Amino acid sequence: MLLAILLPFFSFMIRGKVLTGIICLILQITLIGWLPATIWAVLSLNNERADNRNKELIRAMRQNQR
């Protein structure tokens, strides 16, 4: 989470979203764009974590049905 706040573009790069990271870097180069880039990176990270939790829950529910 701290990485997404301090280096938003790097947060995308680490997760394998290279093109998104480059777009975020271009946005964050400007002083005004830093805040939107940070918000974008944090929201994206939170959404990815929520998706992973949901997948785990669905997998656990399917295993319990058997």
Protein backbone atom coordinates (compact mmCIF):
# COMPACT_ATOMS: atom_id res chain seq x y z
CA MET A 1 0.00 0.00 0.00
CA LEU A 2 2.83 2.38 0.84
CA LEU A 3 4.42 1.65 -2.52
CA ALA A 4 1.17 2.58 -4.28
CA ILE A 5 1.19 5.92 -2.48
CA LEU A 6 4.86 6.81 -2.93
CA LEU A 7 5.50 5.31 -6.40
CA PRO A 8 2.14 4.69 -8.07
CA PHE A 9 3.59 3.65 -11.42
CA PHE A 10 5.90 1.09 -9.78
CA SER A 11 2.93 -0.48 -8.02
CA PHE A 12 1.43 -1.29 -11.43
CA MET A 13 4.76 -2.50 -12.84
CA ILE A 14 5.28 -4.99 -10.00
CA ARG A 15 1.82 -6.48 -10.60
CA GLY A 16 2.63 -7.03 -14.28
CA LYS A 17 0.57 -4.16 -15.68
CA VAL A 18 3.36 -2.54 -17.67
CA LEU A 19 1.26 -0.42 -20.05
CA THR A 20 -0.88 0.85 -17.17
CA GLY A 21 2.31 1.63 -15.26
CA ILE A 22 3.67 3.68 -18.13
CA ILE A 23 0.41 5.63 -18.43
CA CYS A 24 0.45 6.20 -14.67
CA LEU A 25 4.08 7.38 -14.84
CA ILE A 26 3.20 9.90 -17.55
CA LEU A 27 0.33 11.15 -15.37
CA GLN A 28 2.43 11.32 -12.23
CA ILE A 29 5.27 13.27 -13.88
CA THR A 30 3.17 16.38 -13.57
CA LEU A 31 2.73 17.77 -10.09
CA ILE A 32 -1.04 18.02 -10.53
CA GLY A 33 -1.22 14.44 -11.83
CA TRP A 34 0.52 12.95 -8.80
CA LEU A 35 -2.64 12.86 -6.66
CA PRO A 36 -4.86 11.22 -9.31
CA ALA A 37 -2.10 8.70 -10.09
CA THR A 38 -1.80 7.82 -6.41
CA ILE A 39 -5.55 7.45 -5.98
CA TRP A 40 -5.71 5.29 -9.12
CA ALA A 41 -2.91 3.01 -7.90
CA VAL A 42 -4.40 2.59 -4.41
CA LEU A 43 -7.89 1.86 -5.75
CA SER A 44 -6.50 -0.59 -8.28
CA LEU A 45 -4.54 -2.41 -5.56
CA ASN A 46 -7.59 -2.60 -3.30
CA ASN A 47 -9.75 -3.91 -6.16
CA GLU A 48 -7.20 -6.60 -6.98
CA ARG A 49 -7.06 -7.69 -3.33
CA ALA A 50 -10.87 -7.83 -3.18
CA ASP A 51 -10.98 -9.92 -6.37
CA ASN A 52 -8.48 -12.36 -4.88
CA ARG A 53 -10.54 -12.65 -1.68
CA ASN A 54 -13.70 -13.30 -3.69
CA LYS A 55 -11.99 -15.99 -5.75
CA GLU A 56 -10.82 -17.70 -2.55
CA LEU A 57 -14.34 -17.56 -1.09
CA ILE A 58 -15.87 -19.01 -4.26
CA ARG A 59 -13.27 -21.78 -4.32
CA ALA A 60 -13.96 -22.61 -0.65
CA MET A 61 -17.72 -22.65 -1.24
CA ARG A 62 -17.36 -25.01 -4.19
CA GLN A 63 -15.19 -27.38 -2.17
CA ASN A 64 -17.75 -27.45 0.65
CA GLN A 65 -20.56 -28.37 -1.76
CA ARG A 66 -18.85 -31.59 -2.76
